[in-house]
Amino acid sequence: MLSELIIEKINNYKDIDKNNISIIETKNIVNIQPYLNDLQLECIINLGIVNNIRRINKFHETVNERLKNGHIYVSCGETLVERTKRIQTKIPVGFKQLFRVLDFIYKRVIPKVPGFKKIYFAITNGHNRVISKAEILGRLISCGFEVLEYFEHNNLMFIISKKVQKPKFDMHASYGILFRMKRIGYKGKIIGVYKLRTMYPYSEYCQALITKENKLDKSGKISNDFRVTAWGKIFRKFWIDELPMFVNFFKGELNLVGVRPLSKNYFSRYPKELQNLRIKVKPGLIPPYYADMPQNFDEILESERQYIFKKNKNPISTDIIYFTRAFLNIVFKGARSQ
């Protein structure tokens, strides 16, 4: 049975008496309320898919309120990939592409457009929502849970997680096409770097998880990143997603040339001495990567280290040299963002 499979997997992380496990199948927050005062409960398993929950975050937050730190929460959902497979088998040949376009507009565009959003949810009540793997995981993490394991069963993704903190109550998750990323800037100040969204919503919360699971490619970015959308890959290839960063440039938060502004998670991967060097210079639109063309993460670190040393000695000439080399590599050697 599915419940036995889940409990067996849970026992890999925490031994829990079966009497202290609640197995439910619901999309309604009201059905969680009876457990709020059950002091013995250590695990909640919800077999109802998150795609049918009207307010997903509120549901997770209610579960979080019920559980103590270290307690287990199992949830599940149908990912965008699995939904596409399921739907495509039902559409007649010749209509698949048309259906994909109409389905994309109705299920993924309209729910995010102000005005239409309320109408959409009034009609559907949030039932059968299209949600990516990244969003399912990201919403859960944003609500104070750490993902221990996820696996597929009968075309659904099941996530075993544990409560580690209170929810973040994030009202500004990256849902819109234009958003601001929190990045470490000059003197360690957190700045909001503008970009066009190339990842699925709530992807920012999955960074630590996917960094742990996946290796970095030669550009220092995460390889096989399931958070990136199909159009996002095109945007990144031609730097379309980075055009809004000129707003930060004109605000004086970024230079034309400089080390790439990093997230806290990625910044933490750097050696302490390089972290200290990085915050002494202003980040830039064009990183040393395009000038030096490093082949692995260690070479990226050394590239940035050398740039900073040279920048501190000769600021203007260093930026001119690096800009010229980057321009030549982009034009003649095809250097591209990943």
C-alpha atoms as a PDB file:
ATOM      1  CA  MET A   1       0.000   0.000   0.000  1.00  0.00           C
ATOM      2  CA  LEU A   2       1.024   3.598  -0.627  1.00  0.00           C
ATOM      3  CA  SER A   3       0.756   4.589   3.036  1.00  0.00           C
ATOM      4  CA  GLU A   4       3.051   1.724   4.045  1.00  0.00           C
ATOM      5  CA  LEU A   5       5.591   2.759   1.401  1.00  0.00           C
ATOM      6  CA  ILE A   6       5.571   6.323   2.719  1.00  0.00           C
ATOM      7  CA  ILE A   7       5.920   5.249   6.354  1.00  0.00           C
ATOM      8  CA  GLU A   8       8.814   2.978   5.400  1.00  0.00           C
ATOM      9  CA  LYS A   9      10.578   5.934   3.787  1.00  0.00           C
ATOM     10  CA  ILE A  10       9.806   8.182   6.765  1.00  0.00           C
ATOM     11  CA  ASN A  11      11.508   5.689   9.072  1.00  0.00           C
ATOM     12  CA  ASN A  12      14.764   6.365   7.229  1.00  0.00           C
ATOM     13  CA  TYR A  13      14.720   9.803   8.820  1.00  0.00           C
ATOM     14  CA  LYS A  14      12.718   9.452  12.034  1.00  0.00           C
ATOM     15  CA  ASP A  15      11.274   6.553  14.007  1.00  0.00           C
ATOM     16  CA  ILE A  16       7.633   7.360  14.627  1.00  0.00           C
ATOM     17  CA  ASP A  17       4.990   5.264  16.341  1.00  0.00           C
ATOM     18  CA  LYS A  18       2.165   4.578  13.871  1.00  0.00           C
ATOM     19  CA  ASN A  19      -0.293   5.832  16.476  1.00  0.00           C
ATOM     20  CA  ASN A  20       1.324   9.261  16.172  1.00  0.00           C
ATOM     21  CA  ILE A  21       0.852   9.441  12.399  1.00  0.00           C
ATOM     22  CA  SER A  22      -2.236  10.956  10.822  1.00  0.00           C
ATOM     23  CA  ILE A  23      -3.054   9.950   7.231  1.00  0.00           C
ATOM     24  CA  ILE A  24      -5.627  12.142   5.511  1.00  0.00           C
ATOM     25  CA  GLU A  25      -6.718  12.992   1.987  1.00  0.00           C
ATOM     26  CA  THR A  26      -7.983  16.534   1.881  1.00  0.00           C
ATOM     27  CA  LYS A  27      -7.788  19.883   0.123  1.00  0.00           C
ATOM     28  CA  ASN A  28      -9.531  21.763   2.918  1.00  0.00           C
ATOM     29  CA  ILE A  29      -7.714  23.552   5.738  1.00  0.00           C
ATOM     30  CA  VAL A  30     -10.667  22.870   8.019  1.00  0.00           C
ATOM     31  CA  ASN A  31      -9.731  19.193   8.064  1.00  0.00           C
ATOM     32  CA  ILE A  32      -6.354  20.074   9.599  1.00  0.00           C
ATOM     33  CA  GLN A  33      -7.841  22.024  12.503  1.00  0.00           C
ATOM     34  CA  PRO A  34      -8.812  18.985  14.657  1.00  0.00           C
ATOM     35  CA  TYR A  35      -5.139  18.067  14.960  1.00  0.00           C
ATOM     36  CA  LEU A  36      -4.019  21.433  16.331  1.00  0.00           C
ATOM     37  CA  ASN A  37      -4.300  20.293  19.947  1.00  0.00           C
ATOM     38  CA  ASP A  38      -3.088  16.710  19.497  1.00  0.00           C
ATOM     39  CA  LEU A  39       0.191  16.775  21.418  1.00  0.00           C
ATOM     40  CA  GLN A  40       1.103  13.204  20.438  1.00  0.00           C
ATOM     41  CA  LEU A  41       0.975  13.748  16.680  1.00  0.00           C
ATOM     42  CA  GLU A  42       4.425  13.647  15.045  1.00  0.00           C
ATOM     43  CA  CYS A  43       3.554  13.209  11.386  1.00  0.00           C
ATOM     44  CA  ILE A  44       0.848  14.337   8.975  1.00  0.00           C
ATOM     45  CA  ILE A  45       0.510  12.575   5.624  1.00  0.00           C
ATOM     46  CA  ASN A  46      -1.852  14.234   3.169  1.00  0.00           C
ATOM     47  CA  LEU A  47      -2.653  12.101   0.124  1.00  0.00           C
ATOM     48  CA  GLY A  48      -4.700  14.896  -1.436  1.00  0.00           C
ATOM     49  CA  ILE A  49      -2.764  16.599  -4.234  1.00  0.00           C
ATOM     50  CA  VAL A  50      -1.759  20.230  -3.750  1.00  0.00           C
ATOM     51  CA  ASN A  51      -3.077  20.999  -7.254  1.00  0.00           C
ATOM     52  CA  ASN A  52      -6.597  20.978  -5.799  1.00  0.00           C
ATOM     53  CA  ILE A  53      -5.867  23.169  -2.773  1.00  0.00           C
ATOM     54  CA  ARG A  54      -7.209  26.717  -3.189  1.00  0.00           C
ATOM     55  CA  ARG A  55      -4.666  28.381  -0.904  1.00  0.00           C
ATOM     56  CA  ILE A  56      -1.637  26.117  -0.909  1.00  0.00           C
ATOM     57  CA  ASN A  57       0.599  28.241   1.284  1.00  0.00           C
ATOM     58  CA  LYS A  58      -2.121  28.770   3.867  1.00  0.00           C
ATOM     59  CA  PHE A  59      -2.656  25.004   3.985  1.00  0.00           C
ATOM     60  CA  HIS A  60       1.070  24.345   4.523  1.00  0.00           C
ATOM     61  CA  GLU A  61       1.226  27.125   7.115  1.00  0.00           C
ATOM     62  CA  THR A  62      -1.605  25.498   9.069  1.00  0.00           C
ATOM     63  CA  VAL A  63       0.257  22.180   9.063  1.00  0.00           C
ATOM     64  CA  ASN A  64       3.390  24.026  10.167  1.00  0.00           C
ATOM     65  CA  GLU A  65       1.464  25.551  13.064  1.00  0.00           C
ATOM     66  CA  ARG A  66       0.373  22.100  14.163  1.00  0.00           C
ATOM     67  CA  LEU A  67       3.773  20.390  14.053  1.00  0.00           C
ATOM     68  CA  LYS A  68       6.828  20.898  16.225  1.00  0.00           C
ATOM     69  CA  ASN A  69      10.310  21.350  14.786  1.00  0.00           C
ATOM     70  CA  GLY A  70      11.590  18.019  13.507  1.00  0.00           C
ATOM     71  CA  HIS A  71       8.120  16.586  12.940  1.00  0.00           C
ATOM     72  CA  ILE A  72       7.296  15.113   9.533  1.00  0.00           C
ATOM     73  CA  TYR A  73       4.908  16.363   6.857  1.00  0.00           C
ATOM     74  CA  VAL A  74       4.231  14.400   3.663  1.00  0.00           C
ATOM     75  CA  SER A  75       2.464  16.060   0.746  1.00  0.00           C
ATOM     76  CA  CYS A  76       2.020  15.276  -2.922  1.00  0.00           C
ATOM     77  CA  GLY A  77       1.138  16.827  -6.248  1.00  0.00           C
ATOM     78  CA  GLU A  78       1.037  16.372  -9.988  1.00  0.00           C
ATOM     79  CA  THR A  79       3.955  18.178 -11.613  1.00  0.00           C
ATOM     80  CA  LEU A  80       3.713  20.095 -14.866  1.00  0.00           C
ATOM     81  CA  VAL A  81       5.715  17.392 -16.643  1.00  0.00           C
ATOM     82  CA  GLU A  82       3.451  14.570 -15.482  1.00  0.00           C
ATOM     83  CA  ARG A  83       0.321  16.570 -16.278  1.00  0.00           C
ATOM     84  CA  THR A  84       1.564  17.202 -19.808  1.00  0.00           C
ATOM     85  CA  LYS A  85       2.149  13.479 -20.312  1.00  0.00           C
ATOM     86  CA  ARG A  86      -1.328  12.655 -19.000  1.00  0.00           C
ATOM     87  CA  ILE A  87      -3.125  15.252 -21.100  1.00  0.00           C
ATOM     88  CA  GLN A  88      -1.220  14.568 -24.312  1.00  0.00           C
ATOM     89  CA  THR A  89      -2.350  10.944 -24.367  1.00  0.00           C
ATOM     90  CA  LYS A  90      -5.985  12.096 -24.473  1.00  0.00           C
ATOM     91  CA  ILE A  91      -5.722  14.699 -27.250  1.00  0.00           C
ATOM     92  CA  PRO A  92      -6.355  13.568 -30.852  1.00  0.00           C
ATOM     93  CA  VAL A  93      -3.454  13.752 -33.285  1.00  0.00           C
ATOM     94  CA  GLY A  94      -3.425  17.112 -35.050  1.00  0.00           C
ATOM     95  CA  PHE A  95      -4.860  19.025 -32.098  1.00  0.00           C
ATOM     96  CA  LYS A  96      -2.030  18.552 -29.594  1.00  0.00           C
ATOM     97  CA  GLN A  97      -0.202  21.800 -30.400  1.00  0.00           C
ATOM     98  CA  LEU A  98      -3.398  23.874 -30.444  1.00  0.00           C
ATOM     99  CA  PHE A  99      -4.434  22.402 -27.119  1.00  0.00           C
ATOM    100  CA  ARG A 100      -1.019  23.153 -25.599  1.00  0.00           C
ATOM    101  CA  VAL A 101      -1.337  26.825 -26.565  1.00  0.00           C
ATOM    102  CA  LEU A 102      -4.901  27.192 -25.261  1.00  0.00           C
ATOM    103  CA  ASP A 103      -4.119  25.213 -22.125  1.00  0.00           C
ATOM    104  CA  PHE A 104      -1.046  27.363 -21.467  1.00  0.00           C
ATOM    105  CA  ILE A 105      -3.090  30.561 -21.731  1.00  0.00           C
ATOM    106  CA  TYR A 106      -5.989  29.323 -19.592  1.00  0.00           C
ATOM    107  CA  LYS A 107      -4.075  27.426 -16.936  1.00  0.00           C
ATOM    108  CA  ARG A 108      -0.813  29.326 -16.643  1.00  0.00           C
ATOM    109  CA  VAL A 109      -1.230  32.868 -17.971  1.00  0.00           C
ATOM    110  CA  ILE A 110      -4.729  33.923 -16.898  1.00  0.00           C
ATOM    111  CA  PRO A 111      -4.268  32.862 -13.226  1.00  0.00           C
ATOM    112  CA  LYS A 112      -1.351  35.300 -12.984  1.00  0.00           C
ATOM    113  CA  VAL A 113      -2.978  38.303 -14.697  1.00  0.00           C
ATOM    114  CA  PRO A 114      -4.473  40.879 -12.283  1.00  0.00           C
ATOM    115  CA  GLY A 115      -8.238  41.040 -12.687  1.00  0.00           C
ATOM    116  CA  PHE A 116      -8.485  37.726 -14.512  1.00  0.00           C
ATOM    117  CA  LYS A 117      -6.940  35.944 -11.535  1.00  0.00           C
ATOM    118  CA  LYS A 118     -10.030  36.424  -9.355  1.00  0.00           C
ATOM    119  CA  ILE A 119     -12.331  35.321 -12.155  1.00  0.00           C
ATOM    120  CA  TYR A 120     -10.244  32.209 -12.793  1.00  0.00           C
ATOM    121  CA  PHE A 121     -10.271  31.117  -9.157  1.00  0.00           C
ATOM    122  CA  ALA A 122     -13.972  31.932  -8.822  1.00  0.00           C
ATOM    123  CA  ILE A 123     -14.671  29.533 -11.692  1.00  0.00           C
ATOM    124  CA  THR A 124     -12.220  26.760 -10.796  1.00  0.00           C
ATOM    125  CA  ASN A 125     -11.926  27.271  -7.017  1.00  0.00           C
ATOM    126  CA  GLY A 126      -8.258  26.441  -7.505  1.00  0.00           C
ATOM    127  CA  HIS A 127      -9.038  22.894  -8.629  1.00  0.00           C
ATOM    128  CA  ASN A 128      -6.681  21.052 -11.000  1.00  0.00           C
ATOM    129  CA  ARG A 129      -4.045  23.784 -11.000  1.00  0.00           C
ATOM    130  CA  VAL A 130      -0.956  23.479 -13.168  1.00  0.00           C
ATOM    131  CA  ILE A 131       2.097  23.558 -10.910  1.00  0.00           C
ATOM    132  CA  SER A 132       5.719  22.859 -11.713  1.00  0.00           C
ATOM    133  CA  LYS A 133       7.977  20.643  -9.659  1.00  0.00           C
ATOM    134  CA  ALA A 134       9.922  23.734  -8.588  1.00  0.00           C
ATOM    135  CA  GLU A 135       6.806  25.532  -7.363  1.00  0.00           C
ATOM    136  CA  ILE A 136       5.517  22.519  -5.431  1.00  0.00           C
ATOM    137  CA  LEU A 137       8.848  22.180  -3.630  1.00  0.00           C
ATOM    138  CA  GLY A 138       9.427  25.924  -3.291  1.00  0.00           C
ATOM    139  CA  ARG A 139       6.063  26.638  -1.683  1.00  0.00           C
ATOM    140  CA  LEU A 140       6.674  23.886   0.850  1.00  0.00           C
ATOM    141  CA  ILE A 141      10.141  25.187   1.726  1.00  0.00           C
ATOM    142  CA  SER A 142       8.867  28.774   2.014  1.00  0.00           C
ATOM    143  CA  CYS A 143       6.366  27.543   4.592  1.00  0.00           C
ATOM    144  CA  GLY A 144       9.095  26.378   6.953  1.00  0.00           C
ATOM    145  CA  PHE A 145       9.782  22.809   5.836  1.00  0.00           C
ATOM    146  CA  GLU A 146      13.009  21.120   4.784  1.00  0.00           C
ATOM    147  CA  VAL A 147      12.672  18.617   1.958  1.00  0.00           C
ATOM    148  CA  LEU A 148      14.170  15.291   3.017  1.00  0.00           C
ATOM    149  CA  GLU A 149      13.201  13.262  -0.021  1.00  0.00           C
ATOM    150  CA  TYR A 150      10.834  13.291  -2.964  1.00  0.00           C
ATOM    151  CA  PHE A 151       9.827  10.437  -5.225  1.00  0.00           C
ATOM    152  CA  GLU A 152       7.317   9.573  -7.934  1.00  0.00           C
ATOM    153  CA  HIS A 153       4.497   7.085  -7.478  1.00  0.00           C
ATOM    154  CA  ASN A 154       1.573   6.595  -9.878  1.00  0.00           C
ATOM    155  CA  ASN A 155       2.526   9.775 -11.778  1.00  0.00           C
ATOM    156  CA  LEU A 156       2.473  11.915  -8.634  1.00  0.00           C
ATOM    157  CA  MET A 157       5.390  13.465  -6.772  1.00  0.00           C
ATOM    158  CA  PHE A 158       5.451  12.748  -3.043  1.00  0.00           C
ATOM    159  CA  ILE A 159       7.547  14.938  -0.753  1.00  0.00           C
ATOM    160  CA  ILE A 160       8.762  13.906   2.678  1.00  0.00           C
ATOM    161  CA  SER A 161       9.668  16.999   4.666  1.00  0.00           C
ATOM    162  CA  LYS A 162      10.228  18.080   8.236  1.00  0.00           C
ATOM    163  CA  LYS A 163       9.405  21.316   9.985  1.00  0.00           C
ATOM    164  CA  VAL A 164      12.526  23.387  10.646  1.00  0.00           C
ATOM    165  CA  GLN A 165      11.146  26.881  11.195  1.00  0.00           C
ATOM    166  CA  LYS A 166       8.091  29.095  11.013  1.00  0.00           C
ATOM    167  CA  PRO A 167       6.737  30.071   7.563  1.00  0.00           C
ATOM    168  CA  LYS A 168       8.271  33.062   5.791  1.00  0.00           C
ATOM    169  CA  PHE A 169       4.837  34.394   4.758  1.00  0.00           C
ATOM    170  CA  ASP A 170       6.363  35.610   1.504  1.00  0.00           C
ATOM    171  CA  MET A 171       3.932  37.902  -0.304  1.00  0.00           C
ATOM    172  CA  HIS A 172       6.456  38.728  -3.023  1.00  0.00           C
ATOM    173  CA  ALA A 173       7.496  35.369  -4.458  1.00  0.00           C
ATOM    174  CA  SER A 174       8.713  35.595  -8.050  1.00  0.00           C
ATOM    175  CA  TYR A 175       5.397  35.109  -9.835  1.00  0.00           C
ATOM    176  CA  GLY A 176       5.481  37.993 -12.294  1.00  0.00           C
ATOM    177  CA  ILE A 177       7.615  38.218 -15.417  1.00  0.00           C
ATOM    178  CA  LEU A 178       9.684  41.004 -13.822  1.00  0.00           C
ATOM    179  CA  PHE A 179      11.017  40.504 -10.317  1.00  0.00           C
ATOM    180  CA  ARG A 180      13.797  41.503  -7.955  1.00  0.00           C
ATOM    181  CA  MET A 181      16.339  38.996  -6.701  1.00  0.00           C
ATOM    182  CA  LYS A 182      17.973  39.529  -3.327  1.00  0.00           C
ATOM    183  CA  ARG A 183      21.700  39.690  -3.981  1.00  0.00           C
ATOM    184  CA  ILE A 184      24.794  40.643  -2.009  1.00  0.00           C
ATOM    185  CA  GLY A 185      26.131  43.964  -3.215  1.00  0.00           C
ATOM    186  CA  TYR A 186      28.863  46.425  -2.341  1.00  0.00           C
ATOM    187  CA  LYS A 187      29.942  46.318   1.326  1.00  0.00           C
ATOM    188  CA  GLY A 188      27.680  43.314   1.866  1.00  0.00           C
ATOM    189  CA  LYS A 189      24.483  45.305   1.390  1.00  0.00           C
ATOM    190  CA  ILE A 190      21.496  43.314   0.129  1.00  0.00           C
ATOM    191  CA  ILE A 191      20.251  44.785  -3.137  1.00  0.00           C
ATOM    192  CA  GLY A 192      17.269  43.911  -5.302  1.00  0.00           C
ATOM    193  CA  VAL A 193      18.568  43.001  -8.753  1.00  0.00           C
ATOM    194  CA  TYR A 194      15.941  43.274 -11.478  1.00  0.00           C
ATOM    195  CA  LYS A 195      15.551  40.408 -13.946  1.00  0.00           C
ATOM    196  CA  LEU A 196      13.005  38.843 -16.230  1.00  0.00           C
ATOM    197  CA  ARG A 197      11.872  35.604 -14.673  1.00  0.00           C
ATOM    198  CA  THR A 198      13.379  32.546 -16.345  1.00  0.00           C
ATOM    199  CA  MET A 199      12.417  30.110 -13.603  1.00  0.00           C
ATOM    200  CA  TYR A 200       9.147  28.754 -12.324  1.00  0.00           C
ATOM    201  CA  PRO A 201       7.506  30.539  -9.364  1.00  0.00           C
ATOM    202  CA  TYR A 202       9.037  29.914  -5.927  1.00  0.00           C
ATOM    203  CA  SER A 203      12.221  28.558  -7.531  1.00  0.00           C
ATOM    204  CA  GLU A 204      14.354  30.797  -5.347  1.00  0.00           C
ATOM    205  CA  TYR A 205      13.426  28.676  -2.335  1.00  0.00           C
ATOM    206  CA  CYS A 206      14.777  25.533  -3.997  1.00  0.00           C
ATOM    207  CA  GLN A 207      18.300  26.832  -4.476  1.00  0.00           C
ATOM    208  CA  ALA A 208      19.841  25.169  -1.423  1.00  0.00           C
ATOM    209  CA  LEU A 209      18.054  21.904  -2.232  1.00  0.00           C
ATOM    210  CA  ILE A 210      19.092  21.756  -5.871  1.00  0.00           C
ATOM    211  CA  THR A 211      22.632  22.907  -5.090  1.00  0.00           C
ATOM    212  CA  LYS A 212      22.948  19.930  -2.761  1.00  0.00           C
ATOM    213  CA  GLU A 213      21.529  17.538  -5.367  1.00  0.00           C
ATOM    214  CA  ASN A 214      23.236  18.766  -8.538  1.00  0.00           C
ATOM    215  CA  LYS A 215      26.763  19.604  -9.588  1.00  0.00           C
ATOM    216  CA  LEU A 216      27.855  22.939 -11.006  1.00  0.00           C
ATOM    217  CA  ASP A 217      28.575  23.244 -14.717  1.00  0.00           C
ATOM    218  CA  LYS A 218      31.717  24.880 -16.076  1.00  0.00           C
ATOM    219  CA  SER A 219      30.117  28.327 -15.851  1.00  0.00           C
ATOM    220  CA  GLY A 220      29.581  27.829 -12.130  1.00  0.00           C
ATOM    221  CA  LYS A 221      25.828  27.460 -12.484  1.00  0.00           C
ATOM    222  CA  ILE A 222      23.702  24.510 -11.445  1.00  0.00           C
ATOM    223  CA  SER A 223      23.574  21.788 -14.085  1.00  0.00           C
ATOM    224  CA  ASN A 224      20.279  20.104 -15.018  1.00  0.00           C
ATOM    225  CA  ASP A 225      18.360  22.858 -13.261  1.00  0.00           C
ATOM    226  CA  PHE A 226      14.689  21.819 -13.344  1.00  0.00           C
ATOM    227  CA  ARG A 227      13.693  25.295 -12.174  1.00  0.00           C
ATOM    228  CA  VAL A 228      14.418  26.897 -15.562  1.00  0.00           C
ATOM    229  CA  THR A 229      11.500  27.186 -17.989  1.00  0.00           C
ATOM    230  CA  ALA A 230      11.736  26.445 -21.718  1.00  0.00           C
ATOM    231  CA  TRP A 231      11.533  30.124 -22.645  1.00  0.00           C
ATOM    232  CA  GLY A 232      13.911  30.895 -19.784  1.00  0.00           C
ATOM    233  CA  LYS A 233      16.676  28.952 -21.504  1.00  0.00           C
ATOM    234  CA  ILE A 234      16.239  31.120 -24.608  1.00  0.00           C
ATOM    235  CA  PHE A 235      16.176  34.314 -22.532  1.00  0.00           C
ATOM    236  CA  ARG A 236      19.398  33.291 -20.807  1.00  0.00           C
ATOM    237  CA  LYS A 237      21.171  32.338 -24.008  1.00  0.00           C
ATOM    238  CA  PHE A 238      20.747  35.849 -25.405  1.00  0.00           C
ATOM    239  CA  TRP A 239      20.865  37.735 -22.053  1.00  0.00           C
ATOM    240  CA  ILE A 240      17.297  38.940 -22.499  1.00  0.00           C
ATOM    241  CA  ASP A 241      16.584  38.165 -18.855  1.00  0.00           C
ATOM    242  CA  GLU A 242      19.389  40.471 -17.722  1.00  0.00           C
ATOM    243  CA  LEU A 243      18.252  43.596 -19.569  1.00  0.00           C
ATOM    244  CA  PRO A 244      16.321  44.925 -16.515  1.00  0.00           C
ATOM    245  CA  MET A 245      19.621  44.918 -14.604  1.00  0.00           C
ATOM    246  CA  PHE A 246      20.371  48.215 -16.327  1.00  0.00           C
ATOM    247  CA  VAL A 247      17.944  49.702 -13.801  1.00  0.00           C
ATOM    248  CA  ASN A 248      20.415  48.700 -11.086  1.00  0.00           C
ATOM    249  CA  PHE A 249      23.241  50.091 -13.213  1.00  0.00           C
ATOM    250  CA  PHE A 250      21.590  53.506 -13.467  1.00  0.00           C
ATOM    251  CA  LYS A 251      20.769  53.400  -9.746  1.00  0.00           C
ATOM    252  CA  GLY A 252      24.486  52.993  -9.063  1.00  0.00           C
ATOM    253  CA  GLU A 253      24.156  49.518  -7.543  1.00  0.00           C
ATOM    254  CA  LEU A 254      26.029  47.774 -10.374  1.00  0.00           C
ATOM    255  CA  ASN A 255      29.015  48.638 -12.549  1.00  0.00           C
ATOM    256  CA  LEU A 256      29.230  47.782 -16.230  1.00  0.00           C
ATOM    257  CA  VAL A 257      32.047  45.330 -15.422  1.00  0.00           C
ATOM    258  CA  GLY A 258      32.312  43.521 -12.107  1.00  0.00           C
ATOM    259  CA  VAL A 259      31.830  40.284 -10.228  1.00  0.00           C
ATOM    260  CA  ARG A 260      28.370  38.813 -10.597  1.00  0.00           C
ATOM    261  CA  PRO A 261      25.956  39.696  -7.761  1.00  0.00           C
ATOM    262  CA  LEU A 262      25.316  36.472  -5.852  1.00  0.00           C
ATOM    263  CA  SER A 263      22.557  35.085  -3.671  1.00  0.00           C
ATOM    264  CA  LYS A 264      23.341  34.358  -0.022  1.00  0.00           C
ATOM    265  CA  ASN A 265      23.275  30.634  -0.711  1.00  0.00           C
ATOM    266  CA  TYR A 266      25.714  30.804  -3.615  1.00  0.00           C
ATOM    267  CA  PHE A 267      27.877  33.370  -1.817  1.00  0.00           C
ATOM    268  CA  SER A 268      28.254  30.928   1.088  1.00  0.00           C
ATOM    269  CA  ARG A 269      30.024  28.472  -1.244  1.00  0.00           C
ATOM    270  CA  TYR A 270      32.895  30.910  -1.678  1.00  0.00           C
ATOM    271  CA  PRO A 271      36.024  30.812   0.526  1.00  0.00           C
ATOM    272  CA  LYS A 272      35.886  33.347   3.345  1.00  0.00           C
ATOM    273  CA  GLU A 273      38.819  35.361   2.013  1.00  0.00           C
ATOM    274  CA  LEU A 274      37.154  35.726  -1.396  1.00  0.00           C
ATOM    275  CA  GLN A 275      33.872  36.682   0.261  1.00  0.00           C
ATOM    276  CA  ASN A 276      35.696  39.522   1.993  1.00  0.00           C
ATOM    277  CA  LEU A 277      37.327  40.604  -1.264  1.00  0.00           C
ATOM    278  CA  ARG A 278      34.041  40.499  -3.178  1.00  0.00           C
ATOM    279  CA  ILE A 279      32.153  42.887  -0.924  1.00  0.00           C
ATOM    280  CA  LYS A 280      34.912  45.480  -1.329  1.00  0.00           C
ATOM    281  CA  VAL A 281      34.050  45.968  -5.010  1.00  0.00           C
ATOM    282  CA  LYS A 282      30.753  46.767  -6.678  1.00  0.00           C
ATOM    283  CA  PRO A 283      29.152  43.903  -8.658  1.00  0.00           C
ATOM    284  CA  GLY A 284      28.724  44.337 -12.394  1.00  0.00           C
ATOM    285  CA  LEU A 285      26.679  43.485 -15.458  1.00  0.00           C
ATOM    286  CA  ILE A 286      29.588  41.789 -17.244  1.00  0.00           C
ATOM    287  CA  PRO A 287      31.474  39.387 -14.952  1.00  0.00           C
ATOM    288  CA  PRO A 288      35.138  38.333 -15.363  1.00  0.00           C
ATOM    289  CA  TYR A 289      33.828  34.952 -16.517  1.00  0.00           C
ATOM    290  CA  TYR A 290      33.335  36.233 -20.072  1.00  0.00           C
ATOM    291  CA  ALA A 291      36.864  37.602 -20.204  1.00  0.00           C
ATOM    292  CA  ASP A 292      38.706  34.601 -18.753  1.00  0.00           C
ATOM    293  CA  MET A 293      36.391  31.761 -19.874  1.00  0.00           C
ATOM    294  CA  PRO A 294      37.086  29.519 -16.829  1.00  0.00           C
ATOM    295  CA  GLN A 295      36.240  25.826 -17.178  1.00  0.00           C
ATOM    296  CA  ASN A 296      35.206  24.927 -13.633  1.00  0.00           C
ATOM    297  CA  PHE A 297      34.170  26.415 -10.301  1.00  0.00           C
ATOM    298  CA  ASP A 298      37.721  26.673  -8.934  1.00  0.00           C
ATOM    299  CA  GLU A 299      38.822  28.543 -12.047  1.00  0.00           C
ATOM    300  CA  ILE A 300      35.855  30.887 -11.659  1.00  0.00           C
ATOM    301  CA  LEU A 301      36.979  31.677  -8.124  1.00  0.00           C
ATOM    302  CA  GLU A 302      40.516  32.373  -9.304  1.00  0.00           C
ATOM    303  CA  SER A 303      39.227  34.487 -12.199  1.00  0.00           C
ATOM    304  CA  GLU A 304      37.256  36.683  -9.806  1.00  0.00           C
ATOM    305  CA  ARG A 305      40.151  36.853  -7.357  1.00  0.00           C
ATOM    306  CA  GLN A 306      42.548  38.084 -10.049  1.00  0.00           C
ATOM    307  CA  TYR A 307      40.006  40.585 -11.354  1.00  0.00           C
ATOM    308  CA  ILE A 308      39.514  42.083  -7.890  1.00  0.00           C
ATOM    309  CA  PHE A 309      43.279  42.372  -7.293  1.00  0.00           C
ATOM    310  CA  LYS A 310      43.728  44.154 -10.627  1.00  0.00           C
ATOM    311  CA  LYS A 311      40.630  46.281 -10.081  1.00  0.00           C
ATOM    312  CA  ASN A 312      41.951  47.549  -6.753  1.00  0.00           C
ATOM    313  CA  LYS A 313      45.263  48.574  -8.360  1.00  0.00           C
ATOM    314  CA  ASN A 314      43.992  50.056 -11.640  1.00  0.00           C
ATOM    315  CA  PRO A 315      40.184  50.420 -11.597  1.00  0.00           C
ATOM    316  CA  ILE A 316      39.564  52.086 -14.967  1.00  0.00           C
ATOM    317  CA  SER A 317      42.138  50.268 -17.107  1.00  0.00           C
ATOM    318  CA  THR A 318      41.152  46.902 -15.599  1.00  0.00           C
ATOM    319  CA  ASP A 319      37.496  47.364 -16.519  1.00  0.00           C
ATOM    320  CA  ILE A 320      38.407  48.480 -20.044  1.00  0.00           C
ATOM    321  CA  ILE A 321      40.619  45.424 -20.562  1.00  0.00           C
ATOM    322  CA  TYR A 322      38.043  43.002 -19.161  1.00  0.00           C
ATOM    323  CA  PHE A 323      35.219  44.589 -21.156  1.00  0.00           C
ATOM    324  CA  THR A 324      37.230  44.306 -24.374  1.00  0.00           C
ATOM    325  CA  ARG A 325      38.173  40.678 -23.765  1.00  0.00           C
ATOM    326  CA  ALA A 326      34.595  39.796 -22.835  1.00  0.00           C
ATOM    327  CA  PHE A 327      33.266  41.504 -25.965  1.00  0.00           C
ATOM    328  CA  LEU A 328      35.687  39.590 -28.204  1.00  0.00           C
ATOM    329  CA  ASN A 329      34.869  36.264 -26.537  1.00  0.00           C
ATOM    330  CA  ILE A 330      31.147  36.853 -26.915  1.00  0.00           C
ATOM    331  CA  VAL A 331      31.348  37.938 -30.560  1.00  0.00           C
ATOM    332  CA  PHE A 332      34.034  35.592 -31.885  1.00  0.00           C
ATOM    333  CA  LYS A 333      34.060  32.638 -29.488  1.00  0.00           C
ATOM    334  CA  GLY A 334      30.352  32.412 -28.784  1.00  0.00           C
ATOM    335  CA  ALA A 335      30.552  32.869 -25.016  1.00  0.00           C
ATOM    336  CA  ARG A 336      27.012  32.654 -23.681  1.00  0.00           C
ATOM    337  CA  SER A 337      25.156  32.621 -20.395  1.00  0.00           C
ATOM    338  CA  GLN A 338      23.742  29.241 -19.389  1.00  0.00           C
END
